[in-house]
């Protein structure tokens, strides 16, 4: 199980260049990245990105689809086009997990967003299957799919190609139990995100996440993937990531015993 840095929170949002993001990831001792599929991150030249990552000894554990239109009405054609390109990039970058946030604008009802997402899944799941990929949807409050039980049931018709990105912060903030989520989702998880219950560094003051209970139950129920550190980075991003990586590895060790 690899511990990876999220390239959206630590790369795109703070406007850190791809080269600087790679250097940061090497510095903190992570094994890989959730690489952002984004115009500023060489989406039109994934071979160059793959070479940079290979030279740095880093893996792409997932590819973050940053154009969040999977559940927005009248954006179906654009989403399907970018998804097909993303699948090609995933093959070049050596990952099988495409991470997607089904964003729902406030003016779009949940029912309408879910209908769009279902239509898009009918279109893109065969593409992902043919490439040996899964598309992993993040569930969270106020978006298209919110709670872990609802999200699992919604995606069941397209499982196991359609999976769930389980983020500890989002599970906690909607009021669900992490241990229950890990047990219920298990092999339906495409990727795990570790983030404190306050969206900051895992394990810091007032963090209510029981990472070991969550991960242990997920592993016992079939999860066989990696862990991405996705949280709001403090000014000392390197120091924070080193601590978070150490904590995550201790949790992995504890769950293996």
C-alpha atoms as a PDB file:
ATOM      1  CA  UNK A   1       0.000   0.000   0.000  1.00  0.00           C
ATOM      2  CA  UNK A   2       1.500   3.293  -1.144  1.00  0.00           C
ATOM      3  CA  UNK A   3       1.133   6.697   0.487  1.00  0.00           C
ATOM      4  CA  UNK A   4       0.655   9.490  -2.039  1.00  0.00           C
ATOM      5  CA  UNK A   5       0.368  13.274  -2.145  1.00  0.00           C
ATOM      6  CA  UNK A   6      -2.677  14.929  -3.692  1.00  0.00           C
ATOM      7  CA  UNK A   7      -1.593  16.998  -6.671  1.00  0.00           C
ATOM      8  CA  UNK A   8      -4.685  19.184  -6.615  1.00  0.00           C
ATOM      9  CA  UNK A   9      -4.358  20.459  -3.044  1.00  0.00           C
ATOM     10  CA  UNK A  10      -0.560  20.562  -3.096  1.00  0.00           C
ATOM     11  CA  UNK A  11      -0.030  21.415  -6.762  1.00  0.00           C
ATOM     12  CA  UNK A  12      -2.862  23.093  -8.666  1.00  0.00           C
ATOM     13  CA  UNK A  13      -4.484  25.117  -5.870  1.00  0.00           C
ATOM     14  CA  UNK A  14      -1.284  26.697  -4.474  1.00  0.00           C
ATOM     15  CA  UNK A  15      -0.093  27.144  -8.076  1.00  0.00           C
ATOM     16  CA  UNK A  16       2.945  24.952  -7.538  1.00  0.00           C
ATOM     17  CA  UNK A  17       4.486  23.939 -10.861  1.00  0.00           C
ATOM     18  CA  UNK A  18       4.560  20.271 -11.903  1.00  0.00           C
ATOM     19  CA  UNK A  19       8.334  20.159 -11.378  1.00  0.00           C
ATOM     20  CA  UNK A  20       8.003  21.715  -7.910  1.00  0.00           C
ATOM     21  CA  UNK A  21       5.174  19.332  -7.016  1.00  0.00           C
ATOM     22  CA  UNK A  22       7.324  16.367  -7.993  1.00  0.00           C
ATOM     23  CA  UNK A  23      10.256  17.762  -6.003  1.00  0.00           C
ATOM     24  CA  UNK A  24       8.036  18.274  -2.940  1.00  0.00           C
ATOM     25  CA  UNK A  25       6.735  14.711  -3.171  1.00  0.00           C
ATOM     26  CA  UNK A  26      10.255  13.316  -3.351  1.00  0.00           C
ATOM     27  CA  UNK A  27      11.374  15.525  -0.447  1.00  0.00           C
ATOM     28  CA  UNK A  28       8.646  14.289   1.899  1.00  0.00           C
ATOM     29  CA  UNK A  29       9.222  10.624   1.057  1.00  0.00           C
ATOM     30  CA  UNK A  30       5.864   9.748  -0.508  1.00  0.00           C
ATOM     31  CA  UNK A  31       5.667   6.945  -3.050  1.00  0.00           C
ATOM     32  CA  UNK A  32       3.357   8.627  -5.482  1.00  0.00           C
ATOM     33  CA  UNK A  33       0.798  11.234  -6.445  1.00  0.00           C
ATOM     34  CA  UNK A  34      -2.807  11.755  -7.308  1.00  0.00           C
ATOM     35  CA  UNK A  35      -1.829  13.513 -10.525  1.00  0.00           C
ATOM     36  CA  UNK A  36      -4.144  16.304 -11.713  1.00  0.00           C
ATOM     37  CA  UNK A  37      -5.509  15.986 -15.225  1.00  0.00           C
ATOM     38  CA  UNK A  38      -5.490  19.728 -15.786  1.00  0.00           C
ATOM     39  CA  UNK A  39      -4.338  22.102 -18.561  1.00  0.00           C
ATOM     40  CA  UNK A  40      -1.609  23.523 -16.323  1.00  0.00           C
ATOM     41  CA  UNK A  41      -0.268  20.053 -15.665  1.00  0.00           C
ATOM     42  CA  UNK A  42       0.608  18.912 -19.182  1.00  0.00           C
ATOM     43  CA  UNK A  43      -2.592  17.047 -19.916  1.00  0.00           C
ATOM     44  CA  UNK A  44      -1.740  17.235 -23.606  1.00  0.00           C
ATOM     45  CA  UNK A  45       1.663  15.640 -23.042  1.00  0.00           C
ATOM     46  CA  UNK A  46       1.251  12.852 -20.481  1.00  0.00           C
ATOM     47  CA  UNK A  47       4.303  11.055 -21.881  1.00  0.00           C
ATOM     48  CA  UNK A  48       6.529  13.915 -20.728  1.00  0.00           C
ATOM     49  CA  UNK A  49       4.875  13.863 -17.309  1.00  0.00           C
ATOM     50  CA  UNK A  50       5.314  10.085 -17.115  1.00  0.00           C
ATOM     51  CA  UNK A  51       9.026  10.464 -17.859  1.00  0.00           C
ATOM     52  CA  UNK A  52       9.438  13.115 -15.151  1.00  0.00           C
ATOM     53  CA  UNK A  53       7.684  10.946 -12.603  1.00  0.00           C
ATOM     54  CA  UNK A  54       9.636   7.858 -13.607  1.00  0.00           C
ATOM     55  CA  UNK A  55      12.929   9.727 -13.248  1.00  0.00           C
ATOM     56  CA  UNK A  56      11.831  10.808  -9.757  1.00  0.00           C
ATOM     57  CA  UNK A  57      10.867   7.254  -8.776  1.00  0.00           C
ATOM     58  CA  UNK A  58       7.212   8.176  -8.250  1.00  0.00           C
ATOM     59  CA  UNK A  59       4.028   6.366  -9.201  1.00  0.00           C
ATOM     60  CA  UNK A  60       0.706   7.853 -10.233  1.00  0.00           C
ATOM     61  CA  UNK A  61      -1.743   6.118  -7.886  1.00  0.00           C
ATOM     62  CA  UNK A  62      -4.726   7.944  -9.373  1.00  0.00           C
ATOM     63  CA  UNK A  63      -5.480  10.565 -11.982  1.00  0.00           C
ATOM     64  CA  UNK A  64      -7.577  13.456 -10.680  1.00  0.00           C
ATOM     65  CA  UNK A  65     -10.111  14.627 -13.238  1.00  0.00           C
ATOM     66  CA  UNK A  66     -10.245  18.355 -12.502  1.00  0.00           C
ATOM     67  CA  UNK A  67     -12.974  19.350 -14.977  1.00  0.00           C
ATOM     68  CA  UNK A  68     -15.900  18.540 -12.711  1.00  0.00           C
ATOM     69  CA  UNK A  69     -18.802  18.335 -15.154  1.00  0.00           C
ATOM     70  CA  UNK A  70     -19.909  14.716 -14.727  1.00  0.00           C
ATOM     71  CA  UNK A  71     -23.238  15.689 -13.136  1.00  0.00           C
ATOM     72  CA  UNK A  72     -23.950  19.068 -14.755  1.00  0.00           C
ATOM     73  CA  UNK A  73     -26.853  19.247 -17.250  1.00  0.00           C
ATOM     74  CA  UNK A  74     -25.938  20.120 -20.849  1.00  0.00           C
ATOM     75  CA  UNK A  75     -22.282  19.236 -20.238  1.00  0.00           C
ATOM     76  CA  UNK A  76     -22.549  15.565 -21.138  1.00  0.00           C
ATOM     77  CA  UNK A  77     -20.676  15.741 -24.436  1.00  0.00           C
ATOM     78  CA  UNK A  78     -17.830  17.775 -22.935  1.00  0.00           C
ATOM     79  CA  UNK A  79     -17.481  15.384 -19.995  1.00  0.00           C
ATOM     80  CA  UNK A  80     -17.429  12.293 -22.170  1.00  0.00           C
ATOM     81  CA  UNK A  81     -14.827  13.802 -24.473  1.00  0.00           C
ATOM     82  CA  UNK A  82     -12.477  14.753 -21.643  1.00  0.00           C
ATOM     83  CA  UNK A  83     -13.022  11.409 -19.930  1.00  0.00           C
ATOM     84  CA  UNK A  84     -11.928   9.519 -23.044  1.00  0.00           C
ATOM     85  CA  UNK A  85      -8.744  11.618 -23.149  1.00  0.00           C
ATOM     86  CA  UNK A  86      -8.235  11.036 -19.437  1.00  0.00           C
ATOM     87  CA  UNK A  87      -8.384   7.271 -19.931  1.00  0.00           C
ATOM     88  CA  UNK A  88      -5.662   7.532 -22.578  1.00  0.00           C
ATOM     89  CA  UNK A  89      -3.530   9.619 -20.222  1.00  0.00           C
ATOM     90  CA  UNK A  90      -4.083   7.123 -17.397  1.00  0.00           C
ATOM     91  CA  UNK A  91      -2.642   4.373 -19.572  1.00  0.00           C
ATOM     92  CA  UNK A  92       0.460   6.428 -20.312  1.00  0.00           C
ATOM     93  CA  UNK A  93       0.878   7.450 -16.669  1.00  0.00           C
ATOM     94  CA  UNK A  94       0.443   3.875 -15.461  1.00  0.00           C
ATOM     95  CA  UNK A  95      -2.642   4.170 -13.269  1.00  0.00           C
ATOM     96  CA  UNK A  96      -5.993   2.410 -13.347  1.00  0.00           C
ATOM     97  CA  UNK A  97      -7.867   4.790 -11.032  1.00  0.00           C
ATOM     98  CA  UNK A  98      -9.540   7.941 -12.372  1.00  0.00           C
ATOM     99  CA  UNK A  99     -10.727  10.121  -9.507  1.00  0.00           C
ATOM    100  CA  UNK A 100     -13.820  12.246 -10.114  1.00  0.00           C
ATOM    101  CA  UNK A 101     -15.783  14.738  -8.007  1.00  0.00           C
ATOM    102  CA  UNK A 102     -19.428  14.875  -9.198  1.00  0.00           C
ATOM    103  CA  UNK A 103     -19.866  18.577  -8.509  1.00  0.00           C
ATOM    104  CA  UNK A 104     -23.431  19.864  -8.289  1.00  0.00           C
ATOM    105  CA  UNK A 105     -24.080  23.598  -8.760  1.00  0.00           C
ATOM    106  CA  UNK A 106     -26.546  25.054  -6.247  1.00  0.00           C
ATOM    107  CA  UNK A 107     -29.102  25.750  -8.968  1.00  0.00           C
ATOM    108  CA  UNK A 108     -29.183  22.076 -10.031  1.00  0.00           C
ATOM    109  CA  UNK A 109     -31.361  19.726  -8.002  1.00  0.00           C
ATOM    110  CA  UNK A 110     -29.865  16.544  -6.643  1.00  0.00           C
ATOM    111  CA  UNK A 111     -32.301  14.489  -8.718  1.00  0.00           C
ATOM    112  CA  UNK A 112     -31.297  16.269 -11.921  1.00  0.00           C
ATOM    113  CA  UNK A 113     -27.593  15.893 -11.158  1.00  0.00           C
ATOM    114  CA  UNK A 114     -27.994  12.183 -10.446  1.00  0.00           C
ATOM    115  CA  UNK A 115     -29.843  11.699 -13.735  1.00  0.00           C
ATOM    116  CA  UNK A 116     -26.989  13.350 -15.637  1.00  0.00           C
ATOM    117  CA  UNK A 117     -24.395  11.313 -13.772  1.00  0.00           C
ATOM    118  CA  UNK A 118     -26.257   8.078 -14.510  1.00  0.00           C
ATOM    119  CA  UNK A 119     -26.431   8.931 -18.211  1.00  0.00           C
ATOM    120  CA  UNK A 120     -22.720   9.719 -18.263  1.00  0.00           C
ATOM    121  CA  UNK A 121     -21.905   6.474 -16.478  1.00  0.00           C
ATOM    122  CA  UNK A 122     -23.780   4.509 -19.133  1.00  0.00           C
ATOM    123  CA  UNK A 123     -21.550   6.198 -21.713  1.00  0.00           C
ATOM    124  CA  UNK A 124     -18.122   6.098 -20.034  1.00  0.00           C
ATOM    125  CA  UNK A 125     -18.089   2.854 -18.044  1.00  0.00           C
ATOM    126  CA  UNK A 126     -17.544   0.759 -21.215  1.00  0.00           C
ATOM    127  CA  UNK A 127     -14.569   3.005 -22.087  1.00  0.00           C
ATOM    128  CA  UNK A 128     -13.081   2.528 -18.629  1.00  0.00           C
ATOM    129  CA  UNK A 129     -13.713  -1.221 -18.714  1.00  0.00           C
ATOM    130  CA  UNK A 130     -11.987  -1.594 -22.062  1.00  0.00           C
ATOM    131  CA  UNK A 131      -8.915   0.184 -20.680  1.00  0.00           C
ATOM    132  CA  UNK A 132      -8.865  -1.781 -17.419  1.00  0.00           C
ATOM    133  CA  UNK A 133      -9.641   1.369 -15.409  1.00  0.00           C
ATOM    134  CA  UNK A 134     -12.123   2.263 -12.723  1.00  0.00           C
ATOM    135  CA  UNK A 135     -13.752   5.655 -12.269  1.00  0.00           C
ATOM    136  CA  UNK A 136     -13.897   6.549  -8.590  1.00  0.00           C
ATOM    137  CA  UNK A 137     -16.435   9.146  -7.430  1.00  0.00           C
ATOM    138  CA  UNK A 138     -15.980  11.231  -4.314  1.00  0.00           C
ATOM    139  CA  UNK A 139     -19.106  11.522  -2.167  1.00  0.00           C
ATOM    140  CA  UNK A 140     -19.641  14.419   0.198  1.00  0.00           C
ATOM    141  CA  UNK A 141     -22.314  16.732   1.624  1.00  0.00           C
ATOM    142  CA  UNK A 142     -24.202  19.005  -0.785  1.00  0.00           C
ATOM    143  CA  UNK A 143     -23.062  17.283  -3.939  1.00  0.00           C
ATOM    144  CA  UNK A 144     -24.559  14.653  -6.271  1.00  0.00           C
ATOM    145  CA  UNK A 145     -23.983  11.682  -3.963  1.00  0.00           C
ATOM    146  CA  UNK A 146     -23.586  12.505  -0.277  1.00  0.00           C
ATOM    147  CA  UNK A 147     -23.479   9.626   2.233  1.00  0.00           C
ATOM    148  CA  UNK A 148     -21.583   6.377   1.870  1.00  0.00           C
ATOM    149  CA  UNK A 149     -24.669   4.121   1.849  1.00  0.00           C
ATOM    150  CA  UNK A 150     -26.444   6.292  -0.727  1.00  0.00           C
ATOM    151  CA  UNK A 151     -23.329   6.503  -2.889  1.00  0.00           C
ATOM    152  CA  UNK A 152     -22.773   2.745  -2.846  1.00  0.00           C
ATOM    153  CA  UNK A 153     -26.379   2.039  -3.798  1.00  0.00           C
ATOM    154  CA  UNK A 154     -26.369   4.659  -6.560  1.00  0.00           C
ATOM    155  CA  UNK A 155     -23.255   3.250  -8.264  1.00  0.00           C
ATOM    156  CA  UNK A 156     -24.164  -0.431  -7.890  1.00  0.00           C
ATOM    157  CA  UNK A 157     -25.495  -0.824 -11.474  1.00  0.00           C
ATOM    158  CA  UNK A 158     -22.042   0.118 -12.820  1.00  0.00           C
ATOM    159  CA  UNK A 159     -19.920  -1.683 -10.221  1.00  0.00           C
ATOM    160  CA  UNK A 160     -17.131  -2.613  -9.960  1.00  0.00           C
ATOM    161  CA  UNK A 161     -15.917  -0.224 -12.702  1.00  0.00           C
ATOM    162  CA  UNK A 162     -17.663   2.682 -10.957  1.00  0.00           C
ATOM    163  CA  UNK A 163     -16.269   2.929  -7.419  1.00  0.00           C
ATOM    164  CA  UNK A 164     -16.054   5.418  -4.573  1.00  0.00           C
ATOM    165  CA  UNK A 165     -13.333   7.731  -3.337  1.00  0.00           C
ATOM    166  CA  UNK A 166     -13.702   7.578   0.437  1.00  0.00           C
ATOM    167  CA  UNK A 167     -12.426  10.760   2.089  1.00  0.00           C
ATOM    168  CA  UNK A 168     -12.278  10.650   5.885  1.00  0.00           C
ATOM    169  CA  UNK A 169     -13.133  14.351   6.202  1.00  0.00           C
ATOM    170  CA  UNK A 170     -16.306  14.142   4.146  1.00  0.00           C
ATOM    171  CA  UNK A 171     -17.519  10.998   5.917  1.00  0.00           C
ATOM    172  CA  UNK A 172     -17.041  12.619   9.323  1.00  0.00           C
ATOM    173  CA  UNK A 173     -18.523  16.007   8.468  1.00  0.00           C
ATOM    174  CA  UNK A 174     -21.822  14.567   7.273  1.00  0.00           C
ATOM    175  CA  UNK A 175     -22.106  12.660  10.547  1.00  0.00           C
ATOM    176  CA  UNK A 176     -21.322   9.091   9.446  1.00  0.00           C
ATOM    177  CA  UNK A 177     -19.033   6.677  11.262  1.00  0.00           C
ATOM    178  CA  UNK A 178     -15.664   5.919   9.666  1.00  0.00           C
ATOM    179  CA  UNK A 179     -15.517   2.321  10.877  1.00  0.00           C
ATOM    180  CA  UNK A 180     -19.011   1.666   9.484  1.00  0.00           C
ATOM    181  CA  UNK A 181     -18.066   3.261   6.160  1.00  0.00           C
ATOM    182  CA  UNK A 182     -14.922   1.144   5.833  1.00  0.00           C
ATOM    183  CA  UNK A 183     -16.845  -2.041   6.564  1.00  0.00           C
ATOM    184  CA  UNK A 184     -19.722  -1.221   4.228  1.00  0.00           C
ATOM    185  CA  UNK A 185     -17.662  -0.072   1.263  1.00  0.00           C
ATOM    186  CA  UNK A 186     -14.624  -2.363   1.293  1.00  0.00           C
ATOM    187  CA  UNK A 187     -13.939  -3.473  -2.278  1.00  0.00           C
ATOM    188  CA  UNK A 188     -16.193  -0.731  -3.659  1.00  0.00           C
ATOM    189  CA  UNK A 189     -13.550   1.860  -2.754  1.00  0.00           C
ATOM    190  CA  UNK A 190     -11.461   3.060  -5.662  1.00  0.00           C
ATOM    191  CA  UNK A 191      -9.228   5.323  -3.554  1.00  0.00           C
ATOM    192  CA  UNK A 192      -8.904   6.416   0.061  1.00  0.00           C
ATOM    193  CA  UNK A 193      -8.184  10.019   1.036  1.00  0.00           C
ATOM    194  CA  UNK A 194      -6.835  10.775   4.503  1.00  0.00           C
ATOM    195  CA  UNK A 195      -7.781  14.214   5.809  1.00  0.00           C
ATOM    196  CA  UNK A 196      -8.450  15.424   9.333  1.00  0.00           C
ATOM    197  CA  UNK A 197     -12.024  16.028  10.449  1.00  0.00           C
ATOM    198  CA  UNK A 198     -11.250  19.770  10.233  1.00  0.00           C
ATOM    199  CA  UNK A 199      -9.790  19.346   6.696  1.00  0.00           C
ATOM    200  CA  UNK A 200      -6.254  20.021   7.925  1.00  0.00           C
ATOM    201  CA  UNK A 201      -3.280  17.767   8.580  1.00  0.00           C
ATOM    202  CA  UNK A 202      -4.270  14.295   9.811  1.00  0.00           C
ATOM    203  CA  UNK A 203      -3.564  13.716  13.484  1.00  0.00           C
ATOM    204  CA  UNK A 204      -3.397  17.360  14.511  1.00  0.00           C
ATOM    205  CA  UNK A 205      -5.350  18.980  17.354  1.00  0.00           C
ATOM    206  CA  UNK A 206      -9.084  18.210  17.481  1.00  0.00           C
ATOM    207  CA  UNK A 207      -8.920  15.658  14.647  1.00  0.00           C
ATOM    208  CA  UNK A 208     -11.793  13.227  15.294  1.00  0.00           C
ATOM    209  CA  UNK A 209     -10.885  10.684  12.585  1.00  0.00           C
ATOM    210  CA  UNK A 210     -10.225   7.096  13.655  1.00  0.00           C
ATOM    211  CA  UNK A 211      -8.031   6.208  10.694  1.00  0.00           C
ATOM    212  CA  UNK A 212      -7.144   2.723  11.924  1.00  0.00           C
ATOM    213  CA  UNK A 213     -10.774   1.692  12.416  1.00  0.00           C
ATOM    214  CA  UNK A 214     -11.669   2.967   8.955  1.00  0.00           C
ATOM    215  CA  UNK A 215      -8.712   1.490   7.096  1.00  0.00           C
ATOM    216  CA  UNK A 216      -8.766  -1.780   9.014  1.00  0.00           C
ATOM    217  CA  UNK A 217     -12.397  -2.413   8.131  1.00  0.00           C
ATOM    218  CA  UNK A 218     -11.847  -1.360   4.513  1.00  0.00           C
ATOM    219  CA  UNK A 219      -8.932  -3.795   4.183  1.00  0.00           C
ATOM    220  CA  UNK A 220     -10.871  -6.596   5.864  1.00  0.00           C
ATOM    221  CA  UNK A 221     -13.652  -6.078   3.346  1.00  0.00           C
ATOM    222  CA  UNK A 222     -11.574  -6.090   0.188  1.00  0.00           C
ATOM    223  CA  UNK A 223      -9.860  -2.743  -0.310  1.00  0.00           C
ATOM    224  CA  UNK A 224      -6.501  -3.297  -1.999  1.00  0.00           C
ATOM    225  CA  UNK A 225      -5.494   0.179  -3.134  1.00  0.00           C
ATOM    226  CA  UNK A 226      -3.463   3.111  -1.878  1.00  0.00           C
ATOM    227  CA  UNK A 227      -3.919   6.185   0.324  1.00  0.00           C
ATOM    228  CA  UNK A 228      -3.798   9.794  -0.881  1.00  0.00           C
ATOM    229  CA  UNK A 229      -3.149  12.656   1.533  1.00  0.00           C
ATOM    230  CA  UNK A 230      -5.655  15.316   0.521  1.00  0.00           C
ATOM    231  CA  UNK A 231      -6.049  18.222   2.916  1.00  0.00           C
ATOM    232  CA  UNK A 232      -5.634  21.969   3.171  1.00  0.00           C
ATOM    233  CA  UNK A 233      -1.857  22.431   3.367  1.00  0.00           C
ATOM    234  CA  UNK A 234      -0.339  24.791   5.932  1.00  0.00           C
ATOM    235  CA  UNK A 235       2.475  27.182   5.060  1.00  0.00           C
ATOM    236  CA  UNK A 236       5.071  24.508   5.841  1.00  0.00           C
ATOM    237  CA  UNK A 237       3.699  21.966   3.391  1.00  0.00           C
ATOM    238  CA  UNK A 238       6.806  19.782   3.480  1.00  0.00           C
ATOM    239  CA  UNK A 239       6.875  19.505   7.266  1.00  0.00           C
ATOM    240  CA  UNK A 240       3.161  18.791   7.384  1.00  0.00           C
ATOM    241  CA  UNK A 241       3.342  16.089   4.721  1.00  0.00           C
ATOM    242  CA  UNK A 242       6.249  14.373   6.448  1.00  0.00           C
ATOM    243  CA  UNK A 243       4.204  14.131   9.650  1.00  0.00           C
ATOM    244  CA  UNK A 244       1.098  12.989   7.782  1.00  0.00           C
ATOM    245  CA  UNK A 245       3.055  10.327   5.910  1.00  0.00           C
ATOM    246  CA  UNK A 246       4.552   9.056   9.152  1.00  0.00           C
ATOM    247  CA  UNK A 247       1.101   8.857  10.754  1.00  0.00           C
ATOM    248  CA  UNK A 248      -0.355   7.086   7.713  1.00  0.00           C
ATOM    249  CA  UNK A 249       2.395   4.499   7.663  1.00  0.00           C
ATOM    250  CA  UNK A 250       1.854   3.827  11.356  1.00  0.00           C
ATOM    251  CA  UNK A 251      -1.854   3.309  10.668  1.00  0.00           C
ATOM    252  CA  UNK A 252      -1.053   0.907   7.826  1.00  0.00           C
ATOM    253  CA  UNK A 253       1.340  -0.992  10.076  1.00  0.00           C
ATOM    254  CA  UNK A 254      -1.228  -1.165  12.858  1.00  0.00           C
ATOM    255  CA  UNK A 255      -3.869  -2.522  10.479  1.00  0.00           C
ATOM    256  CA  UNK A 256      -1.477  -5.180   9.205  1.00  0.00           C
ATOM    257  CA  UNK A 257      -0.721  -6.570  12.664  1.00  0.00           C
END
